[in-house]
Structures are given as C-alpha cells and as structure tokens.
C-alpha cells in the first residue's frame, strides 16, 4: 500500500479508535499500523512521532466535535435551551458508542488530560486550547442569557468554565460507571450553576 493518498486517514482513524479504547501510552506504532492496514514506513512518512500523531488525532476529533457544538449552540432557540441541546446530544453520542462497543468511552480530551497532561507539553497545550475553545462557545451563550435576564451570574467566563467542567465531570462519571444516566443531571446542575430561571422546554422545538 505504501504512501497512498488514504494512508494518513487510515492511520488517524485507527489511532483514534485505539486511543478511545485503550488510551495513548499503551499503544505502539506497530499496533497502530497493523490496525490501519498500512506499513510502518507510511506512519513515519506522515508523522514524525507518536506524539505528532496524537496531536493530529486531537485536531481531527475536535474539528468533528466542534461541528456538533456549533449546531447545538448557534441557533435560534433560547440560550439556555441551546445548552440543554448540547447536553442531550452529548448523552446521545455516548449512548450510541456504548451500544456499539459495550462501554461508555468518555471524552477523548478528558481521558488524555488525565493520562498525559503531566507528561507531554505539546499535548497539554493542545488540550488547553480545545477546552478554552469550548469555554468560548459556552460563554457566548451565557452572556446572551444574562442580557436577556435569564441568568444572574457575574463573571460569564467563570460561569462558562463551570458549565464545561460540569459536563466533563459527568462524562467522566458516565465512563467510570459505564452508565449514561449520569448525564441526566447536567441540565438541572447547569441551571443551578447559572442561577437561572427554568425555560419552558415543552413549548420549544429545536
């Protein structure tokens, strides 16, 4: 097969699946290439190291996830209902993954933060950038909700960071207990974090 045009994508796809299943540290280049169906030479043609591959996997995963966040958070619904939609779609995605492989995979970004943040600076910095981008997106929604009088928070940045942290924490619990029901508390917890009035969910369709 060699350095064919789809070899890079095959390596990225295999690496993402293996990282989600087993983590990063336990993986070797040979195992990734075997799963991808490409020779080892192809790996080093596209990636100078396993760390470089991990960074590329993070970028690919965030590009895909960000699309979902944009759809959930940037629409015509009330601001708080957009957050609710984000929570619901996160729960649905994890449930689909659980039905496919038998376990809740959790969040790749959270998993790698726990595994690697004290081991490799480039990955730690990339994870910081991704989480800050998530906070940026949530902060815009929280700011809009405050302008409408829907929430009473003072510091919208810290409020958004708390929402993202809560989401990440509940996903972690869902993975730990292999039970997506832990995500059902996201909505009520978010309303409490933001000192928010409860919108009329039944009257709104996404």
Protein backbone atom coordinates (compact mmCIF):
# COMPACT_ATOMS: atom_id res chain seq x y z
CA UNK A 1 0.00 0.00 0.00
CA UNK A 2 2.79 2.38 0.93
CA UNK A 3 2.28 6.11 0.87
CA UNK A 4 -1.12 6.11 -0.74
CA UNK A 5 -3.42 9.08 -0.51
CA UNK A 6 -5.69 7.44 2.08
CA UNK A 7 -2.94 6.03 4.31
CA UNK A 8 -2.88 9.10 6.56
CA UNK A 9 -6.63 8.92 7.13
CA UNK A 10 -6.43 5.20 7.85
CA UNK A 11 -3.73 5.83 10.45
CA UNK A 12 -5.73 8.64 12.07
CA UNK A 13 -8.91 6.56 12.17
CA UNK A 14 -7.14 3.55 13.65
CA UNK A 15 -5.29 5.67 16.19
CA UNK A 16 -8.46 7.41 17.34
CA UNK A 17 -10.27 4.11 17.84
CA UNK A 18 -7.36 2.59 19.74
CA UNK A 19 -6.84 5.66 21.91
CA UNK A 20 -10.54 5.71 22.82
CA UNK A 21 -10.41 2.01 23.66
CA UNK A 22 -7.05 1.68 25.42
CA UNK A 23 -5.52 5.09 25.95
CA UNK A 24 -2.36 6.55 24.45
CA UNK A 25 0.59 5.28 26.48
CA UNK A 26 -0.01 1.57 25.90
CA UNK A 27 -0.11 1.91 22.13
CA UNK A 28 2.83 1.27 19.85
CA UNK A 29 3.39 2.43 16.30
CA UNK A 30 3.40 -1.14 15.01
CA UNK A 31 -0.01 -1.83 16.56
CA UNK A 32 -1.47 1.34 15.07
CA UNK A 33 -0.12 0.47 11.61
CA UNK A 34 -1.47 -3.07 11.87
CA UNK A 35 -4.93 -1.77 12.78
CA UNK A 36 -4.74 0.75 9.93
CA UNK A 37 -3.55 -1.83 7.42
CA UNK A 38 -0.53 0.23 6.37
CA UNK A 39 3.21 -0.47 6.52
CA UNK A 40 5.26 1.14 9.25
CA UNK A 41 7.08 3.28 6.71
CA UNK A 42 3.84 5.04 5.90
CA UNK A 43 3.48 6.12 9.52
CA UNK A 44 6.79 7.97 9.57
CA UNK A 45 6.09 9.48 6.18
CA UNK A 46 3.09 11.29 7.61
CA UNK A 47 4.00 11.62 11.31
CA UNK A 48 7.41 12.22 12.79
CA UNK A 49 6.43 10.63 16.11
CA UNK A 50 3.58 9.07 18.05
CA UNK A 51 3.15 12.43 19.80
CA UNK A 52 2.67 14.13 16.43
CA UNK A 53 0.01 11.55 15.60
CA UNK A 54 -1.75 12.21 18.91
CA UNK A 55 -1.85 15.94 18.16
CA UNK A 56 -3.34 15.22 14.74
CA UNK A 57 -5.94 12.92 16.31
CA UNK A 58 -6.90 15.65 18.78
CA UNK A 59 -7.29 18.16 15.96
CA UNK A 60 -9.42 15.79 13.89
CA UNK A 61 -11.59 14.87 16.85
CA UNK A 62 -12.13 18.49 17.86
CA UNK A 63 -12.96 19.52 14.29
CA UNK A 64 -15.71 16.90 14.23
CA UNK A 65 -16.95 17.64 17.75
CA UNK A 66 -16.88 21.39 17.22
CA UNK A 67 -19.34 20.99 14.37
CA UNK A 68 -21.80 19.43 16.77
CA UNK A 69 -21.24 22.15 19.34
CA UNK A 70 -21.86 24.83 16.71
CA UNK A 71 -25.13 23.20 15.66
CA UNK A 72 -26.28 22.95 19.27
CA UNK A 73 -25.17 26.36 20.49
CA UNK A 74 -25.61 28.62 17.48
CA UNK A 75 -29.28 28.50 16.53
CA UNK A 76 -32.48 30.46 17.14
CA UNK A 77 -33.55 28.74 20.36
CA UNK A 78 -33.36 30.46 23.73
CA UNK A 79 -29.77 30.48 25.03
CA UNK A 80 -30.37 28.08 27.91
CA UNK A 81 -32.19 25.65 25.65
CA UNK A 82 -29.14 25.56 23.41
CA UNK A 83 -27.11 24.37 26.38
CA UNK A 84 -29.75 21.75 27.07
CA UNK A 85 -29.48 20.57 23.49
CA UNK A 86 -25.69 20.28 23.84
CA UNK A 87 -26.14 18.09 26.91
CA UNK A 88 -28.75 15.92 25.20
CA UNK A 89 -26.60 15.41 22.12
CA UNK A 90 -23.57 14.55 24.26
CA UNK A 91 -25.62 11.93 26.10
CA UNK A 92 -26.98 10.54 22.83
CA UNK A 93 -23.50 10.26 21.31
CA UNK A 94 -22.14 8.41 24.34
CA UNK A 95 -25.14 6.09 24.40
CA UNK A 96 -24.63 5.27 20.72
CA UNK A 97 -20.99 4.46 21.40
CA UNK A 98 -21.94 2.29 24.36
CA UNK A 99 -24.41 0.33 22.25
CA UNK A 100 -21.71 -0.18 19.62
CA UNK A 101 -18.81 -1.35 21.81
CA UNK A 102 -20.39 -2.18 25.16
CA UNK A 103 -18.74 0.58 27.17
CA UNK A 104 -19.01 4.35 27.60
CA UNK A 105 -15.82 5.70 26.04
CA UNK A 106 -15.99 9.07 27.78
CA UNK A 107 -14.38 12.18 26.35
CA UNK A 108 -11.12 11.77 24.48
CA UNK A 109 -9.98 15.20 25.66
CA UNK A 110 -10.72 14.42 29.28
CA UNK A 111 -9.19 10.96 29.04
CA UNK A 112 -5.95 12.30 27.57
CA UNK A 113 -5.86 15.16 30.06
CA UNK A 114 -5.83 12.64 32.89
CA UNK A 115 -3.32 10.41 31.14
CA UNK A 116 -0.86 12.82 29.54
CA UNK A 117 -1.14 16.38 30.81
CA UNK A 118 1.90 15.97 33.07
CA UNK A 119 3.93 14.00 30.52
CA UNK A 120 3.97 15.90 27.23
CA UNK A 121 3.82 19.67 26.98
CA UNK A 122 2.62 19.91 23.36
CA UNK A 123 -0.38 17.68 24.08
CA UNK A 124 -1.13 19.54 27.30
CA UNK A 125 -1.10 22.85 25.43
CA UNK A 126 -3.34 21.49 22.67
CA UNK A 127 -5.84 20.19 25.22
CA UNK A 128 -5.85 23.59 26.93
CA UNK A 129 -6.61 25.25 23.59
CA UNK A 130 -9.51 22.87 22.93
CA UNK A 131 -11.07 23.35 26.35
CA UNK A 132 -10.66 27.12 26.09
CA UNK A 133 -12.43 26.99 22.72
CA UNK A 134 -15.29 25.11 24.38
CA UNK A 135 -15.45 27.72 27.14
CA UNK A 136 -15.51 30.46 24.48
CA UNK A 137 -18.55 28.91 22.84
CA UNK A 138 -20.43 28.41 26.09
CA UNK A 139 -19.56 31.90 27.32
CA UNK A 140 -21.27 33.46 24.30
CA UNK A 141 -24.46 31.62 25.21
CA UNK A 142 -24.20 32.53 28.90
CA UNK A 143 -23.61 36.19 28.01
CA UNK A 144 -26.68 36.22 25.81
CA UNK A 145 -28.72 34.57 28.56
CA UNK A 146 -27.56 37.21 31.04
CA UNK A 147 -28.51 40.01 28.67
CA UNK A 148 -32.00 38.51 28.48
CA UNK A 149 -32.21 38.30 32.25
CA UNK A 150 -32.32 34.50 32.17
CA UNK A 151 -29.28 34.09 34.44
CA UNK A 152 -27.78 36.21 37.21
CA UNK A 153 -24.10 35.27 37.09
CA UNK A 154 -21.47 37.98 37.43
CA UNK A 155 -18.41 36.58 35.68
CA UNK A 156 -19.62 34.96 32.48
CA UNK A 157 -16.20 33.46 31.74
CA UNK A 158 -16.01 31.60 35.02
CA UNK A 159 -19.66 30.59 34.70
CA UNK A 160 -18.94 29.10 31.28
CA UNK A 161 -15.86 27.34 32.62
CA UNK A 162 -18.01 25.80 35.37
CA UNK A 163 -20.54 24.55 32.81
CA UNK A 164 -17.80 22.92 30.71
CA UNK A 165 -16.19 21.44 33.83
CA UNK A 166 -19.52 20.03 34.95
CA UNK A 167 -20.10 18.49 31.52
CA UNK A 168 -16.64 16.95 31.54
CA UNK A 169 -17.09 15.64 35.07
CA UNK A 170 -20.43 13.99 34.38
CA UNK A 171 -18.99 12.37 31.25
CA UNK A 172 -16.17 11.04 33.42
CA UNK A 173 -18.69 9.53 35.85
CA UNK A 174 -20.62 8.01 32.93
CA UNK A 175 -17.41 6.33 31.80
CA UNK A 176 -16.46 5.21 35.30
CA UNK A 177 -19.84 3.59 35.98
CA UNK A 178 -20.47 2.67 32.32
CA UNK A 179 -23.84 4.36 32.66
CA UNK A 180 -25.00 7.33 30.61
CA UNK A 181 -27.71 8.10 33.16
CA UNK A 182 -25.09 10.16 34.99
CA UNK A 183 -25.55 12.75 32.25
CA UNK A 184 -29.21 13.26 33.09
CA UNK A 185 -28.23 15.64 35.90
CA UNK A 186 -26.48 18.05 33.53
CA UNK A 187 -29.49 20.26 32.86
CA UNK A 188 -30.57 20.80 36.47
CA UNK A 189 -26.96 21.28 37.56
CA UNK A 190 -26.42 23.86 34.82
CA UNK A 191 -29.47 25.86 35.92
CA UNK A 192 -28.15 25.87 39.47
CA UNK A 193 -24.64 26.89 38.40
CA UNK A 194 -26.01 29.81 36.41
CA UNK A 195 -28.70 30.83 38.94
CA UNK A 196 -31.08 30.53 36.01
CA UNK A 197 -34.82 30.57 35.62
CA UNK A 198 -36.15 27.37 34.08
CA UNK A 199 -37.31 27.93 30.48
CA UNK A 200 -40.44 26.34 29.12
CA UNK A 201 -38.88 23.37 27.36
CA UNK A 202 -42.19 21.84 26.32
CA UNK A 203 -43.13 24.92 24.32
CA UNK A 204 -39.97 24.92 22.22
CA UNK A 205 -38.81 22.58 19.47
CA UNK A 206 -35.15 22.65 18.41
